[in-house]
Amino acid sequence: MSGEKTNPDGRKSQSGSSAGGGLNAIAQAERLLQIAFVLPAAVLIGWGAGALLDKWLHTNWIYIVGLLFGSAAGLFEAVRQAMRAGGKDQ
């Protein structure tokens, strides 16, 4: 039987593509896609929060602080997710 492999416990399993392998690839791609969206989303949230505070407090500089905090938070989260995704591959 050319398409079967024997597992360490003695059971036979078929080799080739399976639904589980395809789903794992899709899940990994989804995790990597999150990294691409987390930084711009964090920057937009920081800018929006700063702009709302500017309007509420009648200032014109808090949005810059929001941009900086959003950028830092997004970069931190993107690096954290990338390290987590890289650790599972090895």
N, C-alpha and C. Protein backbone atom coordinates (compact mmCIF):
# COMPACT_ATOMS: atom_id res chain seq x y z
N MET A 1 0.85 -1.18 0.00
CA MET A 1 0.00 0.00 0.00
C MET A 1 0.89 1.24 0.00
N SER A 2 0.97 1.88 -1.13
CA SER A 2 1.92 2.97 -1.29
C SER A 2 1.47 4.26 -0.62
N GLY A 3 0.18 4.46 -0.41
CA GLY A 3 -0.31 5.71 0.16
C GLY A 3 -0.47 5.70 1.66
N GLU A 4 -0.01 4.63 2.33
CA GLU A 4 -0.20 4.54 3.77
C GLU A 4 1.14 4.59 4.49
N LYS A 5 1.13 5.16 5.66
CA LYS A 5 2.29 5.22 6.54
C LYS A 5 1.91 4.60 7.86
N THR A 6 2.88 4.06 8.56
CA THR A 6 2.62 3.50 9.88
C THR A 6 3.04 4.50 10.93
N ASN A 7 2.13 4.84 11.83
CA ASN A 7 2.43 5.74 12.94
C ASN A 7 3.27 5.02 13.97
N PRO A 8 3.91 5.75 14.89
CA PRO A 8 4.69 5.10 15.93
C PRO A 8 3.87 4.14 16.80
N ASP A 9 2.59 4.36 16.91
CA ASP A 9 1.77 3.47 17.74
C ASP A 9 1.26 2.26 16.96
N GLY A 10 1.68 2.09 15.71
CA GLY A 10 1.32 0.91 14.94
C GLY A 10 0.12 1.09 14.03
N ARG A 11 -0.61 2.17 14.15
CA ARG A 11 -1.77 2.40 13.29
C ARG A 11 -1.31 2.92 11.95
N LYS A 12 -2.09 2.64 10.93
CA LYS A 12 -1.77 3.10 9.59
C LYS A 12 -2.57 4.36 9.29
N SER A 13 -1.93 5.30 8.61
CA SER A 13 -2.61 6.52 8.20
C SER A 13 -2.24 6.80 6.77
N GLN A 14 -3.14 7.45 6.04
CA GLN A 14 -2.86 7.77 4.65
C GLN A 14 -2.04 9.03 4.57
N SER A 15 -1.10 9.02 3.64
CA SER A 15 -0.30 10.22 3.42
C SER A 15 -0.99 11.06 2.34
N GLY A 16 -0.51 12.25 2.14
CA GLY A 16 -1.10 13.13 1.15
C GLY A 16 -1.76 14.31 1.82
N SER A 17 -2.46 15.10 1.03
CA SER A 17 -3.10 16.29 1.58
C SER A 17 -4.35 15.90 2.35
N SER A 18 -4.53 16.55 3.46
CA SER A 18 -5.72 16.31 4.27
C SER A 18 -6.36 17.64 4.59
N ALA A 19 -7.59 17.60 5.04
CA ALA A 19 -8.31 18.84 5.36
C ALA A 19 -7.65 19.55 6.53
N GLY A 20 -7.09 18.81 7.48
CA GLY A 20 -6.44 19.41 8.64
C GLY A 20 -5.23 20.24 8.26
N GLY A 21 -4.45 19.77 7.29
CA GLY A 21 -3.27 20.50 6.84
C GLY A 21 -3.64 21.81 6.16
N GLY A 22 -4.71 21.78 5.36
CA GLY A 22 -5.15 22.99 4.69
C GLY A 22 -5.69 24.02 5.66
N LEU A 23 -6.40 23.55 6.68
CA LEU A 23 -6.93 24.47 7.68
C LEU A 23 -5.82 25.08 8.51
N ASN A 24 -4.78 24.31 8.79
CA ASN A 24 -3.65 24.86 9.54
C ASN A 24 -2.94 25.95 8.73
N ALA A 25 -2.82 25.76 7.43
CA ALA A 25 -2.20 26.77 6.59
C ALA A 25 -3.04 28.03 6.55
N ILE A 26 -4.35 27.88 6.48
CA ILE A 26 -5.24 29.04 6.47
C ILE A 26 -5.17 29.78 7.81
N ALA A 27 -5.12 29.03 8.91
CA ALA A 27 -5.02 29.66 10.23
C ALA A 27 -3.71 30.42 10.37
N GLN A 28 -2.62 29.85 9.87
CA GLN A 28 -1.32 30.52 9.93
C GLN A 28 -1.34 31.79 9.07
N ALA A 29 -1.94 31.72 7.89
CA ALA A 29 -2.04 32.90 7.03
C ALA A 29 -2.87 33.99 7.70
N GLU A 30 -3.92 33.60 8.39
CA GLU A 30 -4.76 34.57 9.10
C GLU A 30 -3.98 35.26 10.21
N ARG A 31 -3.16 34.50 10.93
CA ARG A 31 -2.34 35.10 11.99
C ARG A 31 -1.35 36.10 11.41
N LEU A 32 -0.74 35.77 10.28
CA LEU A 32 0.21 36.68 9.65
C LEU A 32 -0.48 37.90 9.06
N LEU A 33 -1.71 37.73 8.59
CA LEU A 33 -2.46 38.86 8.06
C LEU A 33 -2.82 39.85 9.17
N GLN A 34 -3.03 39.35 10.37
CA GLN A 34 -3.32 40.24 11.51
C GLN A 34 -2.16 41.19 11.75
N ILE A 35 -0.94 40.71 11.55
CA ILE A 35 0.24 41.55 11.77
C ILE A 35 0.20 42.75 10.82
N ALA A 36 -0.24 42.52 9.58
CA ALA A 36 -0.28 43.60 8.59
C ALA A 36 -1.32 44.66 8.93
N PHE A 37 -2.36 44.29 9.66
CA PHE A 37 -3.43 45.24 9.95
C PHE A 37 -3.31 45.90 11.31
N VAL A 38 -2.52 45.34 12.22
CA VAL A 38 -2.51 45.85 13.59
C VAL A 38 -1.85 47.24 13.67
N LEU A 39 -0.79 47.47 12.93
CA LEU A 39 -0.10 48.76 13.01
C LEU A 39 -0.95 49.91 12.46
N PRO A 40 -1.50 49.81 11.25
CA PRO A 40 -2.34 50.92 10.78
C PRO A 40 -3.59 51.12 11.63
N ALA A 41 -4.16 50.03 12.14
CA ALA A 41 -5.35 50.17 12.98
C ALA A 41 -5.02 50.91 14.27
N ALA A 42 -3.88 50.58 14.88
CA ALA A 42 -3.49 51.25 16.12
C ALA A 42 -3.21 52.73 15.88
N VAL A 43 -2.59 53.05 14.76
CA VAL A 43 -2.31 54.46 14.44
C VAL A 43 -3.62 55.23 14.24
N LEU A 44 -4.56 54.62 13.52
CA LEU A 44 -5.85 55.30 13.31
C LEU A 44 -6.61 55.48 14.61
N ILE A 45 -6.57 54.50 15.48
CA ILE A 45 -7.25 54.62 16.78
C ILE A 45 -6.61 55.71 17.62
N GLY A 46 -5.27 55.75 17.63
CA GLY A 46 -4.57 56.80 18.38
C GLY A 46 -4.87 58.18 17.83
N TRP A 47 -4.86 58.31 16.51
CA TRP A 47 -5.17 59.59 15.90
C TRP A 47 -6.61 60.01 16.20
N GLY A 48 -7.54 59.07 16.09
CA GLY A 48 -8.95 59.38 16.36
C GLY A 48 -9.18 59.80 17.79
N ALA A 49 -8.56 59.09 18.72
CA ALA A 49 -8.71 59.45 20.13
C ALA A 49 -8.11 60.83 20.40
N GLY A 50 -6.95 61.10 19.80
CA GLY A 50 -6.34 62.41 19.97
C GLY A 50 -7.17 63.52 19.36
N ALA A 51 -7.75 63.26 18.19
CA ALA A 51 -8.58 64.27 17.54
C ALA A 51 -9.84 64.56 18.36
N LEU A 52 -10.43 63.52 18.93
CA LEU A 52 -11.60 63.73 19.79
C LEU A 52 -11.23 64.53 21.04
N LEU A 53 -10.09 64.22 21.63
CA LEU A 53 -9.65 64.98 22.80
C LEU A 53 -9.34 66.43 22.42
N ASP A 54 -8.75 66.63 21.25
CA ASP A 54 -8.50 68.00 20.78
C ASP A 54 -9.80 68.79 20.66
N LYS A 55 -10.81 68.17 20.09
CA LYS A 55 -12.08 68.85 19.93
C LYS A 55 -12.73 69.14 21.28
N TRP A 56 -12.66 68.16 22.18
CA TRP A 56 -13.28 68.30 23.50
C TRP A 56 -12.58 69.34 24.35
N LEU A 57 -11.22 69.37 24.29
CA LEU A 57 -10.44 70.28 25.13
C LEU A 57 -10.06 71.58 24.41
N HIS A 58 -10.50 71.75 23.18
CA HIS A 58 -10.22 72.95 22.39
C HIS A 58 -8.71 73.20 22.27
N THR A 59 -8.01 72.14 21.88
CA THR A 59 -6.57 72.25 21.63
C THR A 59 -6.31 71.79 20.20
N ASN A 60 -5.06 71.83 19.79
CA ASN A 60 -4.72 71.37 18.45
C ASN A 60 -3.41 70.58 18.42
N TRP A 61 -3.02 69.96 19.49
CA TRP A 61 -1.77 69.22 19.52
C TRP A 61 -1.90 67.79 20.07
N ILE A 62 -2.99 67.44 20.68
CA ILE A 62 -3.12 66.13 21.33
C ILE A 62 -3.17 65.01 20.28
N TYR A 63 -3.64 65.30 19.08
CA TYR A 63 -3.69 64.25 18.06
C TYR A 63 -2.29 63.73 17.73
N ILE A 64 -1.28 64.59 17.86
CA ILE A 64 0.10 64.16 17.61
C ILE A 64 0.53 63.15 18.67
N VAL A 65 0.17 63.40 19.91
CA VAL A 65 0.47 62.46 20.99
C VAL A 65 -0.27 61.14 20.75
N GLY A 66 -1.51 61.23 20.28
CA GLY A 66 -2.27 60.03 19.95
C GLY A 66 -1.63 59.24 18.83
N LEU A 67 -1.12 59.93 17.81
CA LEU A 67 -0.41 59.26 16.73
C LEU A 67 0.83 58.54 17.24
N LEU A 68 1.58 59.20 18.12
CA LEU A 68 2.80 58.59 18.66
C LEU A 68 2.49 57.38 19.53
N PHE A 69 1.50 57.51 20.41
CA PHE A 69 1.11 56.37 21.25
C PHE A 69 0.54 55.23 20.40
N GLY A 70 -0.26 55.55 19.41
CA GLY A 70 -0.82 54.53 18.54
C GLY A 70 0.26 53.81 17.75
N SER A 71 1.23 54.58 17.25
CA SER A 71 2.34 53.97 16.52
C SER A 71 3.16 53.05 17.40
N ALA A 72 3.46 53.50 18.61
CA ALA A 72 4.24 52.67 19.53
C ALA A 72 3.48 51.41 19.92
N ALA A 73 2.20 51.55 20.23
CA ALA A 73 1.40 50.39 20.62
C ALA A 73 1.26 49.42 19.45
N GLY A 74 1.03 49.93 18.25
CA GLY A 74 0.91 49.06 17.07
C GLY A 74 2.20 48.34 16.75
N LEU A 75 3.32 49.04 16.85
CA LEU A 75 4.61 48.40 16.59
C LEU A 75 4.91 47.33 17.63
N PHE A 76 4.62 47.63 18.88
CA PHE A 76 4.83 46.65 19.95
C PHE A 76 3.99 45.39 19.70
N GLU A 77 2.74 45.57 19.35
CA GLU A 77 1.85 44.42 19.12
C GLU A 77 2.25 43.65 17.86
N ALA A 78 2.67 44.36 16.81
CA ALA A 78 3.10 43.68 15.58
C ALA A 78 4.34 42.83 15.83
N VAL A 79 5.29 43.36 16.58
CA VAL A 79 6.49 42.59 16.91
C VAL A 79 6.14 41.40 17.79
N ARG A 80 5.26 41.59 18.74
CA ARG A 80 4.85 40.50 19.63
C ARG A 80 4.17 39.38 18.84
N GLN A 81 3.28 39.74 17.92
CA GLN A 81 2.60 38.73 17.11
C GLN A 81 3.57 38.03 16.17
N ALA A 82 4.51 38.78 15.59
CA ALA A 82 5.50 38.17 14.69
C ALA A 82 6.39 37.19 15.44
N MET A 83 6.79 37.53 16.64
CA MET A 83 7.63 36.62 17.43
C MET A 83 6.84 35.38 17.81
N ARG A 84 5.57 35.55 18.15
CA ARG A 84 4.74 34.39 18.51
C ARG A 84 4.54 33.50 17.29
N ALA A 85 4.30 34.09 16.11
CA ALA A 85 4.10 33.29 14.90
C ALA A 85 5.41 32.61 14.49
N GLY A 86 6.53 33.28 14.66
CA GLY A 86 7.82 32.69 14.33
C GLY A 86 8.21 31.58 15.27
N GLY A 87 7.82 31.67 16.53
CA GLY A 87 8.14 30.65 17.50
C GLY A 87 7.39 29.35 17.26
N LYS A 88 6.19 29.43 16.72
CA LYS A 88 5.40 28.22 16.46
C LYS A 88 5.92 27.49 15.23
N ASP A 89 6.56 28.20 14.31
CA ASP A 89 7.06 27.56 13.10
C ASP A 89 8.32 26.74 13.35
N GLN A 90 9.09 27.11 14.35
CA GLN A 90 10.37 26.45 14.58
C GLN A 90 10.25 25.21 15.40
